[in-house]
Protein backbone atom coordinates (compact mmCIF):
# COMPACT_ATOMS: atom_id res chain seq x y z
CA MET A 1 1.11 22.97 24.31
CA THR A 2 -1.35 23.90 26.81
CA ASP A 3 -0.90 24.21 30.47
CA ALA A 4 -4.04 21.95 30.89
CA ALA A 5 -2.46 19.09 29.31
CA LYS A 6 -1.92 16.00 31.38
CA PRO A 7 0.68 13.19 31.01
CA LEU A 8 -0.76 10.14 29.34
CA GLU A 9 -0.75 7.06 31.42
CA PRO A 10 -0.86 3.61 30.18
CA ILE A 11 -3.80 1.55 30.51
CA GLN A 12 -3.59 -1.30 33.13
CA THR A 13 -4.22 -4.77 31.64
CA GLY A 14 -3.55 -8.14 32.81
CA LEU A 15 -1.16 -10.49 31.02
CA LEU A 16 -3.67 -12.43 29.38
CA LYS A 17 -5.61 -9.27 28.09
CA SER A 18 -2.35 -7.77 26.89
CA MET A 19 -1.49 -10.86 24.96
CA ARG A 20 -4.95 -10.71 23.52
CA TYR A 21 -4.56 -7.15 22.36
CA ILE A 22 -1.28 -7.92 20.74
CA LYS A 23 -2.60 -10.80 18.98
CA ARG A 24 -5.81 -8.89 17.58
CA SER A 25 -3.79 -5.88 16.69
CA TYR A 26 -2.05 -8.14 14.00
CA ASN A 27 -4.84 -10.26 13.07
CA SER A 28 -7.77 -7.78 13.04
CA PRO A 29 -6.49 -3.97 13.41
CA LEU A 30 -9.93 -2.72 12.52
CA GLU A 31 -11.89 -4.40 15.49
CA HIS A 32 -8.73 -3.82 17.63
CA GLY A 33 -8.85 -0.23 16.95
CA GLN A 34 -12.76 -0.11 17.34
CA ASP A 35 -12.48 -1.94 20.63
CA LEU A 36 -9.72 0.28 22.06
CA ARG A 37 -11.34 3.44 21.00
CA ARG A 38 -14.79 2.35 22.40
CA GLU A 39 -13.30 1.53 25.84
CA TYR A 40 -10.57 4.20 26.31
CA GLY A 41 -11.12 6.97 23.63
CA ASN A 42 -8.99 8.44 21.13
CA VAL A 43 -5.75 8.49 22.77
CA VAL A 44 -4.58 5.17 24.34
CA MET A 45 -1.08 4.09 25.62
CA GLN A 46 0.00 0.49 26.37
CA LYS A 47 3.25 -0.84 27.74
CA ALA A 48 4.80 -3.79 26.05
CA GLY A 49 8.00 -4.30 28.16
CA LYS A 50 9.92 -0.93 28.03
CA MET A 51 8.23 0.02 24.83
CA ARG A 52 5.16 2.46 24.95
CA ILE A 53 2.64 2.02 22.36
CA VAL A 54 0.22 4.80 21.60
CA HIS A 55 -2.79 4.53 19.65
CA LEU A 56 -4.39 7.66 18.13
CA PHE A 57 -7.81 7.48 16.47
CA GLY A 58 -9.55 9.91 14.12
CA ALA A 59 -8.71 12.05 10.98
CA ASP A 60 -7.22 14.60 13.14
CA ALA A 61 -4.62 12.11 14.30
CA HIS A 62 -3.65 11.38 10.64
CA LYS A 63 -3.35 15.01 10.01
CA LEU A 64 -0.97 15.53 12.92
CA CYS A 65 1.27 12.58 12.23
CA LEU A 66 1.33 12.95 8.35
CA LEU A 67 1.90 16.83 8.29
CA ASN A 68 4.62 16.12 10.91
CA PRO A 69 5.12 19.73 12.38
CA ASN A 70 8.80 20.31 13.67
CA GLN A 71 9.68 16.65 12.94
CA THR A 72 7.52 15.52 15.82
CA PHE A 73 7.74 11.99 14.51
CA SER A 74 10.13 9.76 12.71
CA ASN A 75 9.18 7.27 9.84
CA LYS A 76 12.60 5.74 9.98
CA LYS A 77 12.72 4.71 13.59
CA ALA A 78 9.30 2.97 13.54
CA TRP A 79 9.73 1.23 10.12
CA ASP A 80 13.25 0.44 10.85
CA MET A 81 12.06 -1.60 13.79
CA ILE A 82 9.27 -3.14 12.03
CA ILE A 83 10.55 -3.82 8.52
CA GLY A 84 14.23 -2.60 8.57
CA ARG A 85 15.62 -6.08 8.61
CA VAL A 86 14.23 -6.94 5.07
CA PHE A 87 13.39 -3.49 3.50
CA PRO A 88 16.29 -1.29 5.01
CA ASN A 89 16.68 2.23 3.54
CA GLY A 90 13.42 2.11 1.47
CA LEU A 91 11.91 5.73 0.73
CA MET A 92 9.39 5.14 3.58
CA LEU A 93 12.20 4.28 5.93
CA ARG A 94 13.97 7.79 5.63
CA ASP A 95 13.20 11.12 7.48
CA GLY A 96 13.66 14.82 6.93
CA ASP A 97 16.28 16.07 4.46
CA ASP A 98 17.59 12.65 3.68
CA HIS A 99 14.07 11.68 2.63
CA ARG A 100 13.59 14.72 0.48
CA TYR A 101 16.92 14.27 -1.21
CA HIS A 102 16.11 10.69 -1.97
CA ARG A 103 12.63 11.47 -3.06
CA ARG A 104 13.63 14.27 -5.24
CA LEU A 105 16.19 11.98 -7.21
CA MET A 106 13.33 9.26 -7.60
CA GLN A 107 10.81 11.77 -9.05
CA ALA A 108 12.58 11.36 -12.36
CA GLY A 109 10.95 7.90 -12.74
CA PHE A 110 7.39 9.25 -12.09
CA LYS A 111 7.40 12.20 -14.49
CA SER A 112 4.63 12.66 -17.08
CA LYS A 113 6.85 11.59 -20.04
CA ALA A 114 8.03 8.60 -18.16
CA MET A 115 4.45 7.69 -17.09
CA GLN A 116 3.03 7.79 -20.73
CA GLY A 117 5.99 5.54 -21.59
CA TYR A 118 4.93 3.10 -18.98
CA LEU A 119 1.53 3.14 -20.16
CA GLY A 120 2.45 2.24 -23.72
CA GLN A 121 4.43 -0.61 -22.47
CA MET A 122 1.68 -1.88 -20.26
CA ILE A 123 -1.16 -1.81 -22.64
CA PRO A 124 0.06 -4.97 -24.80
CA GLN A 125 1.06 -6.88 -21.64
CA VAL A 126 -2.24 -6.29 -19.92
CA LYS A 127 -4.24 -7.13 -22.95
CA ASP A 128 -2.35 -10.43 -23.45
CA ALA A 129 -2.79 -11.46 -20.04
CA VAL A 130 -6.31 -10.66 -19.24
CA ALA A 131 -7.59 -12.09 -22.72
CA GLY A 132 -6.16 -15.39 -21.96
CA TRP A 133 -8.02 -16.24 -18.82
CA SER A 134 -10.23 -19.27 -18.91
CA THR A 135 -13.96 -18.87 -18.28
CA GLN A 136 -14.38 -22.73 -17.63
CA ASN A 137 -13.44 -22.76 -14.02
CA THR A 138 -13.34 -20.56 -11.18
CA LYS A 139 -10.10 -18.42 -10.78
CA LEU A 140 -8.29 -17.54 -7.73
CA VAL A 141 -7.89 -13.67 -8.31
CA TYR A 142 -5.17 -13.00 -5.83
CA PRO A 143 -2.38 -15.17 -7.18
CA THR A 144 -3.43 -14.16 -10.69
CA PHE A 145 -3.13 -10.56 -10.12
CA LYS A 146 0.19 -10.97 -8.04
CA GLN A 147 1.83 -12.82 -11.04
CA MET A 148 0.56 -10.15 -13.59
CA THR A 149 1.77 -7.22 -11.35
CA LEU A 150 4.96 -8.90 -11.01
CA ASP A 151 5.36 -9.23 -14.70
CA LEU A 152 4.50 -5.77 -15.37
CA ALA A 153 6.74 -4.50 -12.43
CA ALA A 154 9.59 -6.25 -14.01
CA SER A 155 8.92 -4.81 -17.59
CA ILE A 156 8.21 -1.28 -16.49
CA PHE A 157 10.69 -0.95 -13.45
CA LEU A 158 13.44 -3.23 -14.65
CA GLY A 159 13.03 -3.25 -18.37
CA MET A 160 13.14 -7.00 -18.55
CA ASN A 161 11.34 -10.29 -18.69
CA LEU A 162 12.09 -12.32 -15.59
CA GLY A 163 11.89 -15.51 -17.54
CA ASP A 164 13.21 -18.31 -15.66
CA ASP A 165 13.93 -16.09 -12.56
CA ALA A 166 10.27 -15.10 -12.30
CA ASP A 167 9.25 -17.96 -9.50
CA LYS A 168 12.61 -17.06 -7.87
CA ILE A 169 11.93 -13.36 -7.55
CA ASN A 170 8.21 -13.83 -6.79
CA ASN A 171 9.02 -16.20 -4.10
CA ALA A 172 11.55 -13.88 -2.58
CA PHE A 173 9.02 -10.93 -2.57
CA GLU A 174 6.44 -13.10 -1.00
CA THR A 175 8.98 -14.30 1.67
CA THR A 176 10.32 -10.60 2.50
CA VAL A 177 6.68 -9.24 2.72
CA ALA A 178 5.55 -12.01 5.17
CA ALA A 179 8.74 -11.31 7.08
CA SER A 180 7.99 -7.80 7.57
CA MET A 181 5.67 -8.69 10.67
CA PRO A 182 6.93 -11.83 11.98
CA ARG A 183 5.35 -13.54 14.90
CA ILE A 184 8.77 -14.48 16.15
CA PRO A 185 11.04 -11.29 15.86
CA PHE A 186 14.32 -13.14 15.78
CA ALA A 187 16.41 -14.32 12.93
CA PHE A 188 17.08 -17.99 14.09
CA PRO A 189 17.81 -20.56 11.20
CA GLY A 190 14.26 -21.60 10.15
CA THR A 191 12.24 -18.59 11.27
CA LEU A 192 10.29 -16.42 9.05
CA LEU A 193 12.57 -13.50 9.46
CA TRP A 194 15.41 -15.66 8.97
CA ARG A 195 13.98 -16.61 5.59
CA GLY A 196 13.07 -13.03 4.72
CA ILE A 197 16.78 -11.94 5.17
CA LYS A 198 17.81 -14.74 3.00
CA ALA A 199 15.00 -13.74 0.28
CA ARG A 200 16.39 -10.16 0.48
CA GLN A 201 19.90 -11.27 -0.26
CA THR A 202 18.59 -13.12 -3.24
CA MET A 203 17.20 -9.89 -4.64
CA CYS A 204 20.32 -8.00 -3.83
CA ASP A 205 22.40 -10.63 -5.75
CA PHE A 206 19.87 -10.47 -8.53
CA PHE A 207 19.99 -6.49 -8.89
CA LEU A 208 23.57 -5.49 -7.97
CA PRO A 209 25.38 -7.15 -11.14
CA MET A 210 23.17 -5.27 -13.71
CA ILE A 211 23.78 -1.68 -12.35
CA PRO A 212 26.97 -0.75 -14.47
CA GLN A 213 25.24 -1.57 -17.60
CA ARG A 214 22.21 0.28 -16.50
CA ARG A 215 24.12 3.36 -15.58
CA SER A 216 25.99 3.46 -19.20
CA GLY A 217 22.85 2.61 -21.22
CA ASP A 218 20.07 4.64 -22.50
CA GLY A 219 17.09 2.57 -20.93
CA GLN A 220 14.02 4.26 -19.86
CA ASP A 221 12.89 1.80 -17.38
CA LEU A 222 12.90 2.87 -13.61
CA PHE A 223 15.85 1.03 -12.66
CA SER A 224 17.91 2.61 -15.42
CA LEU A 225 16.48 5.96 -14.61
CA LEU A 226 17.60 5.46 -10.72
CA CYS A 227 21.09 4.20 -11.88
CA LYS A 228 21.42 7.56 -13.92
CA ALA A 229 19.60 10.09 -11.58
CA THR A 230 21.80 12.78 -10.40
CA ASP A 231 21.26 15.90 -8.31
CA GLU A 232 22.40 19.43 -9.15
CA ASP A 233 25.77 18.64 -8.13
CA GLY A 234 26.07 15.53 -10.51
CA ALA A 235 25.80 13.09 -7.57
CA GLY A 236 23.78 10.04 -7.77
CA TYR A 237 22.59 6.92 -5.73
CA THR A 238 25.14 4.45 -4.66
CA ASP A 239 24.89 0.83 -5.92
CA GLN A 240 23.57 -0.09 -2.56
CA GLU A 241 21.01 2.68 -2.42
CA ILE A 242 19.84 1.50 -6.06
CA VAL A 243 19.23 -1.94 -4.78
CA ASP A 244 17.42 -0.63 -1.61
CA HIS A 245 15.22 1.51 -3.50
CA MET A 246 14.32 -1.20 -6.25
CA ILE A 247 13.61 -3.77 -3.66
CA PHE A 248 11.26 -1.48 -1.79
CA LEU A 249 9.66 -0.11 -4.85
CA MET A 250 9.07 -3.43 -6.56
CA MET A 251 7.53 -4.58 -3.25
CA ALA A 252 5.18 -1.60 -2.96
CA ALA A 253 4.18 -1.75 -6.47
CA HIS A 254 3.55 -5.36 -6.74
CA ASP A 255 1.82 -5.98 -3.37
CA THR A 256 -0.26 -2.92 -2.87
CA THR A 257 -1.51 -3.05 -6.44
CA THR A 258 -2.47 -6.61 -6.26
CA SER A 259 -4.25 -5.86 -2.98
CA THR A 260 -6.18 -3.03 -4.49
CA LEU A 261 -7.17 -5.02 -7.91
CA THR A 262 -8.17 -7.88 -5.68
CA SER A 263 -10.57 -5.79 -3.24
CA MET A 264 -11.98 -3.85 -6.26
CA VAL A 265 -12.99 -7.14 -8.14
CA TYR A 266 -14.43 -8.54 -5.14
CA ALA A 267 -16.57 -5.43 -4.49
CA LEU A 268 -17.60 -5.41 -8.19
CA ALA A 269 -18.52 -9.18 -8.03
CA LYS A 270 -20.72 -8.37 -5.07
CA ASN A 271 -22.13 -5.27 -6.79
CA PRO A 272 -22.54 -6.14 -10.51
CA GLN A 273 -24.59 -2.91 -11.22
CA TRP A 274 -21.20 -1.29 -10.91
CA GLN A 275 -19.63 -3.46 -13.55
CA ASP A 276 -22.27 -2.19 -15.93
CA ARG A 277 -21.69 1.44 -14.97
CA LEU A 278 -18.05 1.26 -15.33
CA LEU A 279 -18.52 -0.60 -18.94
CA THR A 280 -20.58 2.23 -19.94
CA GLU A 281 -17.95 4.73 -18.93
CA MET A 282 -15.30 2.57 -20.43
CA ASN A 283 -17.24 2.53 -23.89
CA SER A 284 -17.11 6.30 -23.81
CA LEU A 285 -13.31 6.56 -24.00
CA ASP A 286 -11.02 6.11 -27.03
CA LEU A 287 -9.52 2.80 -25.94
CA ASP A 288 -7.28 2.60 -29.05
CA ASN A 289 -5.49 5.73 -28.23
CA LEU A 290 -5.21 5.69 -24.45
CA THR A 291 -3.25 8.38 -22.55
CA THR A 292 -2.75 9.07 -19.05
CA GLU A 293 -5.06 12.09 -19.44
CA THR A 294 -7.81 9.65 -20.72
CA LEU A 295 -7.31 7.38 -17.78
CA ASN A 296 -7.62 10.52 -15.51
CA SER A 297 -11.12 11.40 -16.82
CA THR A 298 -12.81 8.34 -15.66
CA THR A 299 -14.93 9.73 -12.85
CA GLU A 300 -16.86 6.58 -11.92
CA THR A 301 -13.99 4.27 -12.16
CA ASP A 302 -12.20 6.67 -9.68
CA TRP A 303 -15.06 6.39 -7.16
CA VAL A 304 -15.08 2.69 -7.26
CA ILE A 305 -11.16 2.45 -6.60
CA LYS A 306 -11.56 4.99 -3.91
CA GLU A 307 -14.17 3.18 -2.24
CA ALA A 308 -12.31 -0.37 -2.62
CA LEU A 309 -9.42 1.42 -0.86
CA ARG A 310 -11.59 2.83 1.79
CA MET A 311 -12.91 -0.42 2.57
CA TYR A 312 -9.71 -2.55 2.16
CA PRO A 313 -6.70 -0.12 2.58
CA PRO A 314 -3.65 -2.12 1.67
CA LEU A 315 -1.78 -0.77 4.76
CA SER A 316 -4.22 -0.95 7.89
CA THR A 317 -1.97 0.88 10.22
CA LEU A 318 0.61 3.74 9.90
CA PRO A 319 3.31 3.60 12.65
CA LYS A 320 5.81 6.45 13.69
CA MET A 321 8.16 7.06 16.63
CA SER A 322 7.66 10.24 18.59
CA ASN A 323 11.02 12.36 18.57
CA ILE A 324 9.78 14.75 21.12
CA GLU A 325 6.94 15.10 23.58
CA PHE A 326 3.71 16.41 21.98
CA GLU A 327 0.13 17.08 22.99
CA TYR A 328 -2.90 15.39 21.49
CA GLU A 329 -6.49 15.84 22.81
CA GLY A 330 -5.39 17.38 26.06
CA ARG A 331 -2.66 14.59 26.67
CA LEU A 332 0.95 14.73 26.73
CA ILE A 333 2.44 11.72 24.76
CA PRO A 334 6.20 11.21 25.67
CA ALA A 335 9.20 11.02 23.30
CA GLY A 336 10.31 7.54 22.38
CA ALA A 337 6.74 6.21 21.94
CA LEU A 338 5.73 4.31 18.99
CA VAL A 339 2.71 6.01 17.74
CA ILE A 340 0.22 4.11 15.66
CA THR A 341 -2.69 5.80 13.48
CA TYR A 342 -5.39 3.44 11.82
CA PRO A 343 -6.39 4.19 8.23
CA ILE A 344 -8.54 1.11 8.23
CA HIS A 345 -10.25 2.41 11.70
CA THR A 346 -10.74 6.05 10.26
CA HIS A 347 -12.20 4.54 6.97
CA TYR A 348 -14.95 3.01 9.13
CA MET A 349 -15.89 5.81 11.41
CA SER A 350 -19.47 6.91 11.14
CA GLU A 351 -18.44 10.68 11.98
CA TYR A 352 -17.05 10.77 8.37
CA TRP A 353 -18.80 8.14 6.39
CA ASP A 354 -22.54 7.19 6.11
CA ASN A 355 -23.22 3.47 6.60
CA PRO A 356 -19.43 2.75 6.30
CA GLU A 357 -19.93 -0.99 6.04
CA THR A 358 -21.66 -0.59 2.84
CA PHE A 359 -19.97 -0.48 -0.52
CA ASP A 360 -21.18 2.96 -2.16
CA PRO A 361 -18.77 4.63 -4.68
CA THR A 362 -21.22 7.58 -4.96
CA ARG A 363 -19.98 8.67 -1.42
CA PHE A 364 -17.08 10.08 -3.41
CA GLY A 365 -19.16 11.80 -6.10
CA PRO A 366 -20.17 15.59 -5.93
CA GLU A 367 -23.68 15.11 -4.29
CA LYS A 368 -22.46 13.30 -1.24
CA ALA A 369 -18.57 14.29 -1.18
CA GLU A 370 -18.22 12.32 2.19
CA HIS A 371 -14.41 12.48 1.64
CA LYS A 372 -14.41 16.03 1.98
CA ARG A 373 -15.72 16.14 5.62
CA HIS A 374 -12.18 15.99 6.62
CA ASN A 375 -9.00 16.16 4.48
CA TYR A 376 -7.52 13.26 6.34
CA SER A 377 -10.60 10.75 6.79
CA TRP A 378 -9.30 8.89 3.57
CA VAL A 379 -5.61 8.04 3.70
CA PRO A 380 -4.74 4.85 1.83
CA PHE A 381 -1.68 6.31 0.29
CA SER A 382 -0.29 7.92 3.62
CA GLY A 383 0.07 11.76 3.18
CA GLY A 384 2.24 14.69 3.83
CA ALA A 385 5.96 14.36 2.91
CA HIS A 386 5.44 10.58 2.78
CA MET A 387 2.68 10.60 0.38
CA CYS A 388 3.07 7.40 -1.98
CA ILE A 389 5.30 8.51 -4.76
CA GLY A 390 3.69 5.78 -6.97
CA LEU A 391 -0.01 6.56 -6.41
CA HIS A 392 -0.53 7.72 -10.00
CA PHE A 393 1.37 4.79 -11.51
CA ALA A 394 -0.91 2.35 -9.46
CA ASN A 395 -4.06 4.25 -10.38
CA MET A 396 -2.94 4.10 -14.10
CA GLN A 397 -2.18 0.25 -13.85
CA ILE A 398 -5.36 -0.49 -11.94
CA LYS A 399 -7.50 1.11 -14.47
CA LEU A 400 -5.77 -0.39 -17.51
CA VAL A 401 -6.44 -3.92 -15.96
CA LEU A 402 -9.90 -3.30 -15.10
CA PHE A 403 -11.06 -1.95 -18.45
CA GLU A 404 -9.45 -5.17 -20.02
CA MET A 405 -11.49 -7.16 -17.53
CA LEU A 406 -14.64 -5.21 -18.28
CA LYS A 407 -14.17 -5.57 -22.18
CA HIS A 408 -13.94 -9.32 -22.04
CA TYR A 409 -15.69 -10.51 -18.93
CA SER A 410 -18.40 -10.09 -16.35
CA TRP A 411 -17.83 -11.95 -12.99
CA HIS A 412 -19.50 -13.02 -9.90
CA VAL A 413 -18.96 -14.98 -6.60
CA PRO A 414 -21.46 -17.35 -5.05
CA GLU A 415 -24.42 -16.18 -3.31
CA GLY A 416 -23.68 -15.26 0.24
CA TYR A 417 -19.96 -15.32 -0.03
CA GLU A 418 -18.03 -12.91 1.91
CA MET A 419 -14.36 -12.49 1.46
CA PRO A 420 -12.13 -13.51 4.43
CA VAL A 421 -9.58 -10.63 4.75
CA GLN A 422 -6.14 -10.72 6.19
CA GLN A 423 -5.63 -7.06 7.22
CA SER A 424 -2.02 -7.08 7.81
CA PRO A 425 0.81 -6.71 6.79
CA ILE A 426 -0.96 -6.26 3.39
CA SER A 427 -4.63 -6.50 2.91
CA LYS A 428 -5.37 -9.74 1.14
CA PRO A 429 -8.05 -12.56 0.86
CA LYS A 430 -7.22 -15.44 3.17
CA ASP A 431 -8.71 -17.84 0.44
CA ASP A 432 -7.10 -16.02 -2.58
CA LEU A 433 -10.63 -14.85 -3.77
CA PRO A 434 -12.32 -17.61 -6.13
CA VAL A 435 -14.21 -15.74 -8.84
CA THR A 436 -16.18 -17.03 -11.85
CA PHE A 437 -15.61 -15.14 -15.07
CA VAL A 438 -18.03 -15.24 -17.86
CA ALA A 439 -17.11 -14.13 -21.27
CA ARG A 440 -19.04 -11.25 -22.78
């Protein structure tokens, strides 16, 4: 901490402007962040009642918050306040040694042997799902992917077909995600938060009775692996910890993958030359003997996924709570502040990206390598100790779905169509993204 650092003072805004800021921070975090930075710079503090909200902009802010030196920040305190009522004790809602312990046990479900097993299970399911699409009518892509990823998550993570419970569990996930950022933060009967808490209980009642059998069985699905995971002393998760992790993991795998697939399909519909490029890359693979190594070798497909995630990151903001006072760009930021960094804002900063409004996957290629201008300019999976534990699983699933789509179809949207995007709590199209598929 430097002697020249000055205490950060909150910006002074009237009631109407403050209300407008709060509304826009939810509806349009990209534009909200751009406006704040343009008017006040990289470090901005607002007051909302007794709460101090600090907005930090730029890749250096991500580096500081994600590397988290000296435990300056708490994930748990921030996320508990935001989604703790509906997703308590998920991996993202833990700090320090507690987080490391739970993450280490969970790694058993994401090792290479398990991943190859997941791939083998997913291939026939994805083939059947994609091959059955109709080319007679426009398809709403978002709900189609949402159902597919739920079915895959149930098969891979739970080792089961949801069957008659599919609609109930899907609706429960939908309600809990929507309730994670309610406009009315009170659980009165009938409110969104109240419905979210009831939906979470539905999922608890679904998972808890299965645990004894999973602990004693030999299943290789993630649910079974978590039930049997133990540390070096032979201790494992409690029943409630297993349920908390499964609900959070199912949500994360289900919703963020759906978001990414939808954004990528939209970008490819608007840029059909990239469908042709990826089809060429796909045809160079041995599709009859797919392995995780084969999927990891797809260079241009990686560029497209990364560019879709740059333009439409599933999580637009990353909140943390400051445990201690710290300095950023010559300003002292107090302990107990809600500190927010903005992946979606950083992903559109011209300091790091050329023509950031333009879809250009080659920016991730070796000639341009724009993502290497700063190690924290592209952060759709968070970073540091809280780097998304399922990112390789998500990448594998996305490529598998994409290749099946390319094999069977080309697709397009109407001339002049622009996808209306809801940026939070999860990036998704407001109109479910209508797309026309044409059989190859």
